Amino acid sequence: MAQVLKSVTPILHVRDVPASARYFEDRLGFRTDFLHGAPPFYGSVSRDSVCLHLRFVHAPNFAELAARELSLILATIEVADVQALHAELVERGAHIVQSPTRHPWGGTDVHVVDLDGNALSFVACEAT
């Protein structure tokens, strides 16, 4: 019998785990599940059924590359209503780098970056 894959948890590399967790709470509407270590070097944030892990690094390895590469997305999160989420993120003061954009492949997405330049895409897929 084939095994069923159930979920995936992206791990974002950040310079300050507690500060990143606060950003996800305040700006993106996530909650902090846990912070591990003293000082914290690992943590988890979640919203609804989406979970992201945060791992301390001295220099985020994707920040420089993300600055050079268009749309270097580290996680794509499906949402029901991207326009409503965009309005919420604007109100929360999230760092939005792409307003809702409709694509030929049938999706509309909005891109945000965290404190370390990690890019996340929130996407609503419609039937074409």
C-alpha atoms as a PDB file:
ATOM      1  CA  MET A   1       0.000   0.000   0.000  1.00  0.00           C
ATOM      2  CA  ALA A   2       1.345   3.432  -0.942  1.00  0.00           C
ATOM      3  CA  GLN A   3       2.020   5.799   1.914  1.00  0.00           C
ATOM      4  CA  VAL A   4       0.001   8.997   2.058  1.00  0.00           C
ATOM      5  CA  LEU A   5       1.852  12.267   2.579  1.00  0.00           C
ATOM      6  CA  LYS A   6      -0.073  14.446   5.008  1.00  0.00           C
ATOM      7  CA  SER A   7       1.576  17.849   5.288  1.00  0.00           C
ATOM      8  CA  VAL A   8       4.749  19.868   4.915  1.00  0.00           C
ATOM      9  CA  THR A   9       6.335  22.378   7.276  1.00  0.00           C
ATOM     10  CA  PRO A  10       8.637  24.933   5.680  1.00  0.00           C
ATOM     11  CA  ILE A  11      11.570  26.034   7.864  1.00  0.00           C
ATOM     12  CA  LEU A  12      12.449  29.704   7.441  1.00  0.00           C
ATOM     13  CA  HIS A  13      15.962  30.818   8.375  1.00  0.00           C
ATOM     14  CA  VAL A  14      15.886  33.931  10.539  1.00  0.00           C
ATOM     15  CA  ARG A  15      18.344  36.039  12.556  1.00  0.00           C
ATOM     16  CA  ASP A  16      16.075  36.511  15.586  1.00  0.00           C
ATOM     17  CA  VAL A  17      13.488  33.804  16.292  1.00  0.00           C
ATOM     18  CA  PRO A  18      11.424  35.740  18.893  1.00  0.00           C
ATOM     19  CA  ALA A  19      11.355  38.897  16.726  1.00  0.00           C
ATOM     20  CA  SER A  20      10.326  36.838  13.707  1.00  0.00           C
ATOM     21  CA  ALA A  21       7.569  35.125  15.676  1.00  0.00           C
ATOM     22  CA  ARG A  22       6.275  38.540  16.795  1.00  0.00           C
ATOM     23  CA  TYR A  23       6.297  39.741  13.159  1.00  0.00           C
ATOM     24  CA  PHE A  24       4.265  36.715  12.088  1.00  0.00           C
ATOM     25  CA  GLU A  25       1.819  37.378  14.929  1.00  0.00           C
ATOM     26  CA  ASP A  26       1.478  41.135  14.535  1.00  0.00           C
ATOM     27  CA  ARG A  27       1.727  41.519  10.761  1.00  0.00           C
ATOM     28  CA  LEU A  28       0.488  38.194   9.346  1.00  0.00           C
ATOM     29  CA  GLY A  29      -2.042  37.021  11.946  1.00  0.00           C
ATOM     30  CA  PHE A  30      -0.212  33.868  13.002  1.00  0.00           C
ATOM     31  CA  ARG A  31       0.171  32.674  16.603  1.00  0.00           C
ATOM     32  CA  THR A  32       3.360  31.447  18.222  1.00  0.00           C
ATOM     33  CA  ASP A  33       3.153  27.725  18.984  1.00  0.00           C
ATOM     34  CA  PHE A  34       6.508  27.461  20.737  1.00  0.00           C
ATOM     35  CA  LEU A  35       9.961  28.991  21.079  1.00  0.00           C
ATOM     36  CA  HIS A  36      12.771  26.606  21.981  1.00  0.00           C
ATOM     37  CA  GLY A  37      16.100  27.351  23.643  1.00  0.00           C
ATOM     38  CA  ALA A  38      17.544  30.092  25.809  1.00  0.00           C
ATOM     39  CA  PRO A  39      17.811  32.307  23.890  1.00  0.00           C
ATOM     40  CA  PRO A  40      15.300  30.783  21.456  1.00  0.00           C
ATOM     41  CA  PHE A  41      16.937  29.328  18.345  1.00  0.00           C
ATOM     42  CA  TYR A  42      13.922  27.436  16.990  1.00  0.00           C
ATOM     43  CA  GLY A  43      10.216  28.080  16.973  1.00  0.00           C
ATOM     44  CA  SER A  44       6.894  27.500  15.323  1.00  0.00           C
ATOM     45  CA  VAL A  45       4.113  29.818  14.191  1.00  0.00           C
ATOM     46  CA  SER A  46       0.757  28.812  12.784  1.00  0.00           C
ATOM     47  CA  ARG A  47      -2.480  30.156  11.447  1.00  0.00           C
ATOM     48  CA  ASP A  48      -5.461  27.892  10.888  1.00  0.00           C
ATOM     49  CA  SER A  49      -3.974  24.666   9.457  1.00  0.00           C
ATOM     50  CA  VAL A  50      -0.738  26.283   8.224  1.00  0.00           C
ATOM     51  CA  CYS A  51       2.467  25.862  10.249  1.00  0.00           C
ATOM     52  CA  LEU A  52       5.861  27.449   9.628  1.00  0.00           C
ATOM     53  CA  HIS A  53       9.019  26.795  11.602  1.00  0.00           C
ATOM     54  CA  LEU A  54      11.642  29.436  12.338  1.00  0.00           C
ATOM     55  CA  ARG A  55      15.320  28.485  12.734  1.00  0.00           C
ATOM     56  CA  PHE A  56      18.091  30.800  13.875  1.00  0.00           C
ATOM     57  CA  VAL A  57      20.972  31.431  11.496  1.00  0.00           C
ATOM     58  CA  HIS A  58      23.630  34.140  11.702  1.00  0.00           C
ATOM     59  CA  ALA A  59      22.879  35.291   8.151  1.00  0.00           C
ATOM     60  CA  PRO A  60      19.740  34.115   6.323  1.00  0.00           C
ATOM     61  CA  ASN A  61      20.951  32.225   3.285  1.00  0.00           C
ATOM     62  CA  PHE A  62      18.122  33.247   0.976  1.00  0.00           C
ATOM     63  CA  ALA A  63      17.927  36.984   1.733  1.00  0.00           C
ATOM     64  CA  GLU A  64      20.675  38.020  -0.692  1.00  0.00           C
ATOM     65  CA  LEU A  65      19.464  35.621  -3.384  1.00  0.00           C
ATOM     66  CA  ALA A  66      15.856  36.785  -2.914  1.00  0.00           C
ATOM     67  CA  ALA A  67      16.976  40.383  -3.458  1.00  0.00           C
ATOM     68  CA  ARG A  68      18.426  39.367  -6.856  1.00  0.00           C
ATOM     69  CA  GLU A  69      15.820  36.835  -8.000  1.00  0.00           C
ATOM     70  CA  LEU A  70      12.281  37.861  -8.868  1.00  0.00           C
ATOM     71  CA  SER A  71       9.683  35.915  -6.891  1.00  0.00           C
ATOM     72  CA  LEU A  72      11.992  33.587  -4.979  1.00  0.00           C
ATOM     73  CA  ILE A  73       9.162  32.135  -2.887  1.00  0.00           C
ATOM     74  CA  LEU A  74      10.024  29.983   0.132  1.00  0.00           C
ATOM     75  CA  ALA A  75       6.449  28.921   0.870  1.00  0.00           C
ATOM     76  CA  THR A  76       3.136  29.147  -0.951  1.00  0.00           C
ATOM     77  CA  ILE A  77       0.046  29.148   1.233  1.00  0.00           C
ATOM     78  CA  GLU A  78      -3.361  28.538  -0.316  1.00  0.00           C
ATOM     79  CA  VAL A  79      -6.164  30.811   0.852  1.00  0.00           C
ATOM     80  CA  ALA A  80      -9.876  31.008   0.072  1.00  0.00           C
ATOM     81  CA  ASP A  81     -10.030  34.780  -0.525  1.00  0.00           C
ATOM     82  CA  VAL A  82      -6.744  36.459  -1.416  1.00  0.00           C
ATOM     83  CA  GLN A  83      -8.355  39.904  -1.755  1.00  0.00           C
ATOM     84  CA  ALA A  84      -9.708  39.773   1.818  1.00  0.00           C
ATOM     85  CA  LEU A  85      -6.366  38.514   3.124  1.00  0.00           C
ATOM     86  CA  HIS A  86      -4.556  41.298   1.261  1.00  0.00           C
ATOM     87  CA  ALA A  87      -6.815  43.893   2.920  1.00  0.00           C
ATOM     88  CA  GLU A  88      -6.069  42.331   6.326  1.00  0.00           C
ATOM     89  CA  LEU A  89      -2.312  42.293   5.678  1.00  0.00           C
ATOM     90  CA  VAL A  90      -2.364  45.949   4.591  1.00  0.00           C
ATOM     91  CA  GLU A  91      -4.214  46.858   7.788  1.00  0.00           C
ATOM     92  CA  ARG A  92      -1.705  44.890   9.883  1.00  0.00           C
ATOM     93  CA  GLY A  93       1.253  46.640   8.226  1.00  0.00           C
ATOM     94  CA  ALA A  94       2.766  43.560   6.580  1.00  0.00           C
ATOM     95  CA  HIS A  95       5.634  44.115   4.136  1.00  0.00           C
ATOM     96  CA  ILE A  96       3.792  43.399   0.884  1.00  0.00           C
ATOM     97  CA  VAL A  97       6.053  43.133  -2.150  1.00  0.00           C
ATOM     98  CA  GLN A  98       3.377  42.128  -4.669  1.00  0.00           C
ATOM     99  CA  SER A  99      -0.246  43.196  -4.503  1.00  0.00           C
ATOM    100  CA  PRO A 100      -2.859  40.647  -5.625  1.00  0.00           C
ATOM    101  CA  THR A 101      -1.932  39.567  -9.131  1.00  0.00           C
ATOM    102  CA  ARG A 102      -4.012  37.329 -11.411  1.00  0.00           C
ATOM    103  CA  HIS A 103      -1.923  34.819 -13.387  1.00  0.00           C
ATOM    104  CA  PRO A 104      -2.665  32.934 -16.633  1.00  0.00           C
ATOM    105  CA  TRP A 105      -2.326  29.631 -14.755  1.00  0.00           C
ATOM    106  CA  GLY A 106      -5.522  30.408 -12.841  1.00  0.00           C
ATOM    107  CA  GLY A 107      -4.327  31.772  -9.543  1.00  0.00           C
ATOM    108  CA  THR A 108      -4.256  35.138  -7.840  1.00  0.00           C
ATOM    109  CA  ASP A 109      -1.505  35.705  -5.322  1.00  0.00           C
ATOM    110  CA  VAL A 110      -0.037  38.291  -2.999  1.00  0.00           C
ATOM    111  CA  HIS A 111       3.590  38.190  -1.827  1.00  0.00           C
ATOM    112  CA  VAL A 112       4.940  39.302   1.533  1.00  0.00           C
ATOM    113  CA  VAL A 113       8.407  39.187   3.059  1.00  0.00           C
ATOM    114  CA  ASP A 114       9.354  38.714   6.687  1.00  0.00           C
ATOM    115  CA  LEU A 115      12.020  40.572   8.653  1.00  0.00           C
ATOM    116  CA  ASP A 116      14.782  38.536   6.981  1.00  0.00           C
ATOM    117  CA  GLY A 117      13.579  38.790   3.390  1.00  0.00           C
ATOM    118  CA  ASN A 118      11.920  35.361   3.281  1.00  0.00           C
ATOM    119  CA  ALA A 119       9.185  35.639   0.656  1.00  0.00           C
ATOM    120  CA  LEU A 120       5.809  33.977   1.169  1.00  0.00           C
ATOM    121  CA  SER A 121       3.037  33.750  -1.415  1.00  0.00           C
ATOM    122  CA  PHE A 122      -0.609  33.606  -0.420  1.00  0.00           C
ATOM    123  CA  VAL A 123      -2.599  32.256  -3.376  1.00  0.00           C
ATOM    124  CA  ALA A 124      -6.211  31.582  -4.295  1.00  0.00           C
ATOM    125  CA  CYS A 125      -6.577  29.171  -7.206  1.00  0.00           C
ATOM    126  CA  GLU A 126      -9.632  29.453  -9.401  1.00  0.00           C
ATOM    127  CA  ALA A 127     -10.768  27.042 -12.064  1.00  0.00           C
ATOM    128  CA  THR A 128      -9.833  28.239 -15.544  1.00  0.00           C
END
